[in-house]
């Protein structure tokens, strides 16, 4: 069974957040001008922030790996 690695997981979260943000902007510009873009951007940011501890863990692991 394949093990989930941190880098691809956080990259996919960032890509998903970007797709949601851009998709929301496109929807606001074309289909629904009344769309609350703040809510769309908050959802996109939330998805990215959920995986921030994984990024921080990878950074700390790489910084302190040299000392061992």
PDB file of N, CA and C in Angstrom:
ATOM      1  N   UNK A   1       0.843  -1.183   0.000  1.00  0.00           N
ATOM      2  CA  UNK A   1       0.000   0.000   0.000  1.00  0.00           C
ATOM      3  C   UNK A   1       0.886   1.243   0.000  1.00  0.00           C
ATOM      4  N   UNK A   2       0.531   2.217  -0.805  1.00  0.00           N
ATOM      5  CA  UNK A   2       1.330   3.435  -0.906  1.00  0.00           C
ATOM      6  C   UNK A   2       1.130   4.307   0.312  1.00  0.00           C
ATOM      7  N   UNK A   3       2.217   4.855   0.771  1.00  0.00           N
ATOM      8  CA  UNK A   3       2.183   5.747   1.921  1.00  0.00           C
ATOM      9  C   UNK A   3       1.964   7.175   1.433  1.00  0.00           C
ATOM     10  N   UNK A   4       1.104   7.919   2.138  1.00  0.00           N
ATOM     11  CA  UNK A   4       0.882   9.317   1.776  1.00  0.00           C
ATOM     12  C   UNK A   4       2.095  10.134   2.197  1.00  0.00           C
ATOM     13  N   UNK A   5       2.646  10.855   1.270  1.00  0.00           N
ATOM     14  CA  UNK A   5       3.793  11.716   1.552  1.00  0.00           C
ATOM     15  C   UNK A   5       3.304  13.129   1.784  1.00  0.00           C
ATOM     16  N   UNK A   6       4.017  13.895   2.577  1.00  0.00           N
ATOM     17  CA  UNK A   6       3.586  15.237   2.938  1.00  0.00           C
ATOM     18  C   UNK A   6       3.610  16.237   1.806  1.00  0.00           C
ATOM     19  N   UNK A   7       4.664  16.220   1.006  1.00  0.00           N
ATOM     20  CA  UNK A   7       4.788  17.220  -0.060  1.00  0.00           C
ATOM     21  C   UNK A   7       3.668  17.132  -1.095  1.00  0.00           C
ATOM     22  N   UNK A   8       3.375  15.953  -1.651  1.00  0.00           N
ATOM     23  CA  UNK A   8       2.271  15.898  -2.626  1.00  0.00           C
ATOM     24  C   UNK A   8       0.921  16.222  -1.995  1.00  0.00           C
ATOM     25  N   UNK A   9       0.751  15.848  -0.738  1.00  0.00           N
ATOM     26  CA  UNK A   9      -0.509  16.113  -0.050  1.00  0.00           C
ATOM     27  C   UNK A   9      -0.737  17.614   0.112  1.00  0.00           C
ATOM     28  N   UNK A  10       0.271  18.346   0.555  1.00  0.00           N
ATOM     29  CA  UNK A  10       0.113  19.786   0.722  1.00  0.00           C
ATOM     30  C   UNK A  10       0.039  20.499  -0.624  1.00  0.00           C
ATOM     31  N   UNK A  11       0.743  19.980  -1.619  1.00  0.00           N
ATOM     32  CA  UNK A  11       0.660  20.572  -2.950  1.00  0.00           C
ATOM     33  C   UNK A  11      -0.755  20.444  -3.497  1.00  0.00           C
ATOM     34  N   UNK A  12      -1.357  19.277  -3.332  1.00  0.00           N
ATOM     35  CA  UNK A  12      -2.727  19.082  -3.815  1.00  0.00           C
ATOM     36  C   UNK A  12      -3.709  19.972  -3.057  1.00  0.00           C
ATOM     37  N   UNK A  13      -3.474  20.201  -1.759  1.00  0.00           N
ATOM     38  CA  UNK A  13      -4.339  21.097  -0.993  1.00  0.00           C
ATOM     39  C   UNK A  13      -4.222  22.529  -1.512  1.00  0.00           C
ATOM     40  N   UNK A  14      -3.012  22.941  -1.845  1.00  0.00           N
ATOM     41  CA  UNK A  14      -2.807  24.288  -2.381  1.00  0.00           C
ATOM     42  C   UNK A  14      -3.445  24.439  -3.756  1.00  0.00           C
ATOM     43  N   UNK A  15      -3.319  23.400  -4.577  1.00  0.00           N
ATOM     44  CA  UNK A  15      -3.938  23.434  -5.906  1.00  0.00           C
ATOM     45  C   UNK A  15      -5.457  23.470  -5.775  1.00  0.00           C
ATOM     46  N   UNK A  16      -6.007  22.676  -4.867  1.00  0.00           N
ATOM     47  CA  UNK A  16      -7.453  22.671  -4.650  1.00  0.00           C
ATOM     48  C   UNK A  16      -7.938  24.036  -4.165  1.00  0.00           C
ATOM     49  N   UNK A  17      -7.205  24.649  -3.247  1.00  0.00           N
ATOM     50  CA  UNK A  17      -7.559  25.990  -2.784  1.00  0.00           C
ATOM     51  C   UNK A  17      -7.527  27.006  -3.907  1.00  0.00           C
ATOM     52  N   UNK A  18      -6.525  26.899  -4.769  1.00  0.00           N
ATOM     53  CA  UNK A  18      -6.426  27.817  -5.897  1.00  0.00           C
ATOM     54  C   UNK A  18      -7.584  27.607  -6.875  1.00  0.00           C
ATOM     55  N   UNK A  19      -7.933  26.355  -7.134  1.00  0.00           N
ATOM     56  CA  UNK A  19      -9.033  26.054  -8.054  1.00  0.00           C
ATOM     57  C   UNK A  19     -10.350  26.602  -7.506  1.00  0.00           C
ATOM     58  N   UNK A  20     -10.574  26.456  -6.208  1.00  0.00           N
ATOM     59  CA  UNK A  20     -11.795  26.983  -5.598  1.00  0.00           C
ATOM     60  C   UNK A  20     -11.822  28.497  -5.698  1.00  0.00           C
ATOM     61  N   UNK A  21     -10.700  29.146  -5.409  1.00  0.00           N
ATOM     62  CA  UNK A  21     -10.647  30.614  -5.458  1.00  0.00           C
ATOM     63  C   UNK A  21     -10.862  31.133  -6.879  1.00  0.00           C
ATOM     64  N   UNK A  22     -10.164  30.563  -7.846  1.00  0.00           N
ATOM     65  CA  UNK A  22     -10.300  31.010  -9.238  1.00  0.00           C
ATOM     66  C   UNK A  22     -11.696  30.675  -9.759  1.00  0.00           C
ATOM     67  N   UNK A  23     -12.197  29.484  -9.428  1.00  0.00           N
ATOM     68  CA  UNK A  23     -13.543  29.107  -9.848  1.00  0.00           C
ATOM     69  C   UNK A  23     -14.593  30.048  -9.282  1.00  0.00           C
ATOM     70  N   UNK A  24     -14.424  30.444  -8.028  1.00  0.00           N
ATOM     71  CA  UNK A  24     -15.353  31.404  -7.428  1.00  0.00           C
ATOM     72  C   UNK A  24     -15.304  32.758  -8.111  1.00  0.00           C
ATOM     73  N   UNK A  25     -14.099  33.200  -8.438  1.00  0.00           N
ATOM     74  CA  UNK A  25     -13.966  34.480  -9.136  1.00  0.00           C
ATOM     75  C   UNK A  25     -14.600  34.429 -10.520  1.00  0.00           C
ATOM     76  N   UNK A  26     -14.416  33.305 -11.214  1.00  0.00           N
ATOM     77  CA  UNK A  26     -15.018  33.153 -12.541  1.00  0.00           C
ATOM     78  C   UNK A  26     -16.540  33.125 -12.428  1.00  0.00           C
ATOM     79  N   UNK A  27     -17.063  32.389 -11.450  1.00  0.00           N
ATOM     80  CA  UNK A  27     -18.512  32.348 -11.251  1.00  0.00           C
ATOM     81  C   UNK A  27     -19.071  33.724 -10.923  1.00  0.00           C
ATOM     82  N   UNK A  28     -18.360  34.480 -10.099  1.00  0.00           N
ATOM     83  CA  UNK A  28     -18.820  35.825  -9.747  1.00  0.00           C
ATOM     84  C   UNK A  28     -18.813  36.734 -10.970  1.00  0.00           C
ATOM     85  N   UNK A  29     -17.830  36.592 -11.817  1.00  0.00           N
ATOM     86  CA  UNK A  29     -17.717  37.461 -12.988  1.00  0.00           C
ATOM     87  C   UNK A  29     -18.703  37.096 -14.086  1.00  0.00           C
ATOM     88  N   UNK A  30     -19.096  35.830 -14.170  1.00  0.00           N
ATOM     89  CA  UNK A  30     -19.922  35.419 -15.300  1.00  0.00           C
ATOM     90  C   UNK A  30     -21.351  35.047 -14.925  1.00  0.00           C
ATOM     91  N   UNK A  31     -21.524  34.137 -13.996  1.00  0.00           N
ATOM     92  CA  UNK A  31     -22.838  33.544 -13.733  1.00  0.00           C
ATOM     93  C   UNK A  31     -23.619  34.282 -12.655  1.00  0.00           C
ATOM     94  N   UNK A  32     -22.976  34.508 -11.507  1.00  0.00           N
ATOM     95  CA  UNK A  32     -23.690  35.035 -10.349  1.00  0.00           C
ATOM     96  C   UNK A  32     -22.933  36.213  -9.742  1.00  0.00           C
ATOM     97  N   UNK A  33     -23.219  37.442 -10.175  1.00  0.00           N
ATOM     98  CA  UNK A  33     -22.515  38.606  -9.614  1.00  0.00           C
ATOM     99  C   UNK A  33     -22.789  38.822  -8.123  1.00  0.00           C
ATOM    100  N   UNK A  34     -23.855  38.229  -7.610  1.00  0.00           N
ATOM    101  CA  UNK A  34     -24.180  38.378  -6.193  1.00  0.00           C
ATOM    102  C   UNK A  34     -23.466  37.389  -5.293  1.00  0.00           C
ATOM    103  N   UNK A  35     -22.595  36.575  -5.849  1.00  0.00           N
ATOM    104  CA  UNK A  35     -21.867  35.569  -5.072  1.00  0.00           C
ATOM    105  C   UNK A  35     -20.958  36.247  -4.053  1.00  0.00           C
ATOM    106  N   UNK A  36     -21.014  35.764  -2.813  1.00  0.00           N
ATOM    107  CA  UNK A  36     -20.174  36.319  -1.753  1.00  0.00           C
ATOM    108  C   UNK A  36     -18.747  35.789  -1.913  1.00  0.00           C
ATOM    109  N   UNK A  37     -17.894  36.571  -2.535  1.00  0.00           N
ATOM    110  CA  UNK A  37     -16.538  36.122  -2.840  1.00  0.00           C
ATOM    111  C   UNK A  37     -15.705  35.962  -1.574  1.00  0.00           C
ATOM    112  N   UNK A  38     -16.034  36.713  -0.522  1.00  0.00           N
ATOM    113  CA  UNK A  38     -15.305  36.554   0.747  1.00  0.00           C
ATOM    114  C   UNK A  38     -15.461  35.136   1.291  1.00  0.00           C
ATOM    115  N   UNK A  39     -16.665  34.595   1.196  1.00  0.00           N
ATOM    116  CA  UNK A  39     -16.901  33.231   1.677  1.00  0.00           C
ATOM    117  C   UNK A  39     -16.133  32.216   0.840  1.00  0.00           C
ATOM    118  N   UNK A  40     -16.098  32.424  -0.451  1.00  0.00           N
ATOM    119  CA  UNK A  40     -15.361  31.504  -1.332  1.00  0.00           C
ATOM    120  C   UNK A  40     -13.871  31.535  -0.998  1.00  0.00           C
ATOM    121  N   UNK A  41     -13.331  32.728  -0.803  1.00  0.00           N
ATOM    122  CA  UNK A  41     -11.909  32.842  -0.485  1.00  0.00           C
ATOM    123  C   UNK A  41     -11.597  32.284   0.899  1.00  0.00           C
ATOM    124  N   UNK A  42     -12.529  32.409   1.839  1.00  0.00           N
ATOM    125  CA  UNK A  42     -12.324  31.824   3.167  1.00  0.00           C
ATOM    126  C   UNK A  42     -12.276  30.310   3.097  1.00  0.00           C
ATOM    127  N   UNK A  43     -13.151  29.714   2.294  1.00  0.00           N
ATOM    128  CA  UNK A  43     -13.133  28.256   2.129  1.00  0.00           C
ATOM    129  C   UNK A  43     -11.825  27.816   1.481  1.00  0.00           C
ATOM    130  N   UNK A  44     -11.398  28.512   0.451  1.00  0.00           N
ATOM    131  CA  UNK A  44     -10.143  28.169  -0.220  1.00  0.00           C
ATOM    132  C   UNK A  44      -8.961  28.308   0.740  1.00  0.00           C
ATOM    133  N   UNK A  45      -8.944  29.377   1.514  1.00  0.00           N
ATOM    134  CA  UNK A  45      -7.871  29.572   2.491  1.00  0.00           C
ATOM    135  C   UNK A  45      -7.902  28.535   3.594  1.00  0.00           C
ATOM    136  N   UNK A  46      -9.096  28.139   4.011  1.00  0.00           N
ATOM    137  CA  UNK A  46      -9.230  27.137   5.072  1.00  0.00           C
ATOM    138  C   UNK A  46      -8.633  25.803   4.647  1.00  0.00           C
ATOM    139  N   UNK A  47      -8.865  25.426   3.398  1.00  0.00           N
ATOM    140  CA  UNK A  47      -8.311  24.161   2.901  1.00  0.00           C
ATOM    141  C   UNK A  47      -6.783  24.205   2.938  1.00  0.00           C
ATOM    142  N   UNK A  48      -6.221  25.329   2.568  1.00  0.00           N
ATOM    143  CA  UNK A  48      -4.754  25.464   2.588  1.00  0.00           C
ATOM    144  C   UNK A  48      -4.224  25.480   4.020  1.00  0.00           C
ATOM    145  N   UNK A  49      -4.920  26.179   4.919  1.00  0.00           N
ATOM    146  CA  UNK A  49      -4.456  26.307   6.309  1.00  0.00           C
ATOM    147  C   UNK A  49      -4.521  24.973   7.054  1.00  0.00           C
ATOM    148  N   UNK A  50      -5.462  24.114   6.685  1.00  0.00           N
ATOM    149  CA  UNK A  50      -5.551  22.804   7.337  1.00  0.00           C
ATOM    150  C   UNK A  50      -4.241  22.032   7.170  1.00  0.00           C
ATOM    151  N   UNK A  51      -3.604  22.174   6.024  1.00  0.00           N
ATOM    152  CA  UNK A  51      -2.380  21.427   5.752  1.00  0.00           C
ATOM    153  C   UNK A  51      -1.117  22.197   6.111  1.00  0.00           C
ATOM    154  N   UNK A  52      -1.248  23.370   6.701  1.00  0.00           N
ATOM    155  CA  UNK A  52      -0.081  24.149   7.114  1.00  0.00           C
ATOM    156  C   UNK A  52       0.787  23.415   8.144  1.00  0.00           C
ATOM    157  N   UNK A  53       0.207  22.685   9.112  1.00  0.00           N
ATOM    158  CA  UNK A  53       1.072  21.932  10.029  1.00  0.00           C
ATOM    159  C   UNK A  53       1.946  20.891   9.328  1.00  0.00           C
ATOM    160  N   UNK A  54       1.457  20.321   8.242  1.00  0.00           N
ATOM    161  CA  UNK A  54       2.272  19.365   7.484  1.00  0.00           C
ATOM    162  C   UNK A  54       3.461  20.092   6.864  1.00  0.00           C
ATOM    163  N   UNK A  55       3.204  21.278   6.297  1.00  0.00           N
ATOM    164  CA  UNK A  55       4.299  22.076   5.741  1.00  0.00           C
ATOM    165  C   UNK A  55       5.306  22.440   6.822  1.00  0.00           C
ATOM    166  N   UNK A  56       4.810  22.880   7.959  1.00  0.00           N
ATOM    167  CA  UNK A  56       5.686  23.259   9.068  1.00  0.00           C
ATOM    168  C   UNK A  56       6.498  22.060   9.546  1.00  0.00           C
ATOM    169  N   UNK A  57       5.867  20.912   9.616  1.00  0.00           N
ATOM    170  CA  UNK A  57       6.566  19.705  10.025  1.00  0.00           C
ATOM    171  C   UNK A  57       7.683  19.354   9.049  1.00  0.00           C
ATOM    172  N   UNK A  58       7.399  19.466   7.758  1.00  0.00           N
ATOM    173  CA  UNK A  58       8.431  19.175   6.754  1.00  0.00           C
ATOM    174  C   UNK A  58       9.589  20.156   6.847  1.00  0.00           C
ATOM    175  N   UNK A  59       9.272  21.429   7.070  1.00  0.00           N
ATOM    176  CA  UNK A  59      10.322  22.441   7.199  1.00  0.00           C
ATOM    177  C   UNK A  59      11.188  22.154   8.419  1.00  0.00           C
ATOM    178  N   UNK A  60      10.545  21.894   9.560  1.00  0.00           N
ATOM    179  CA  UNK A  60      11.305  21.624  10.782  1.00  0.00           C
ATOM    180  C   UNK A  60      12.125  20.345  10.653  1.00  0.00           C
ATOM    181  N   UNK A  61      11.569  19.350  10.003  1.00  0.00           N
ATOM    182  CA  UNK A  61      12.295  18.100   9.805  1.00  0.00           C
ATOM    183  C   UNK A  61      13.542  18.337   8.962  1.00  0.00           C
ATOM    184  N   UNK A  62      13.431  19.139   7.911  1.00  0.00           N
ATOM    185  CA  UNK A  62      14.586  19.405   7.047  1.00  0.00           C
ATOM    186  C   UNK A  62      15.600  20.315   7.714  1.00  0.00           C
ATOM    187  N   UNK A  63      15.153  21.233   8.552  1.00  0.00           N
ATOM    188  CA  UNK A  63      16.076  22.141   9.229  1.00  0.00           C
ATOM    189  C   UNK A  63      16.889  21.389  10.274  1.00  0.00           C
ATOM    190  N   UNK A  64      16.225  20.529  11.057  1.00  0.00           N
ATOM    191  CA  UNK A  64      16.908  19.861  12.142  1.00  0.00           C
ATOM    192  C   UNK A  64      17.493  18.498  11.765  1.00  0.00           C
ATOM    193  N   UNK A  65      17.301  18.075  10.517  1.00  0.00           N
ATOM    194  CA  UNK A  65      17.861  16.800  10.072  1.00  0.00           C
ATOM    195  C   UNK A  65      19.395  16.875  10.025  1.00  0.00           C
ATOM    196  N   UNK A  66      19.923  18.044   9.664  1.00  0.00           N
ATOM    197  CA  UNK A  66      21.368  18.209   9.540  1.00  0.00           C
ATOM    198  C   UNK A  66      22.089  18.098  10.870  1.00  0.00           C
ATOM    199  N   UNK A  67      21.397  18.364  11.999  1.00  0.00           N
ATOM    200  CA  UNK A  67      22.026  18.317  13.295  1.00  0.00           C
ATOM    201  C   UNK A  67      22.154  16.914  13.857  1.00  0.00           C
ATOM    202  N   UNK A  68      21.470  15.955  13.272  1.00  0.00           N
ATOM    203  CA  UNK A  68      21.509  14.587  13.817  1.00  0.00           C
ATOM    204  C   UNK A  68      22.656  13.799  13.287  1.00  0.00           C
TER     205      UNK A  68
END
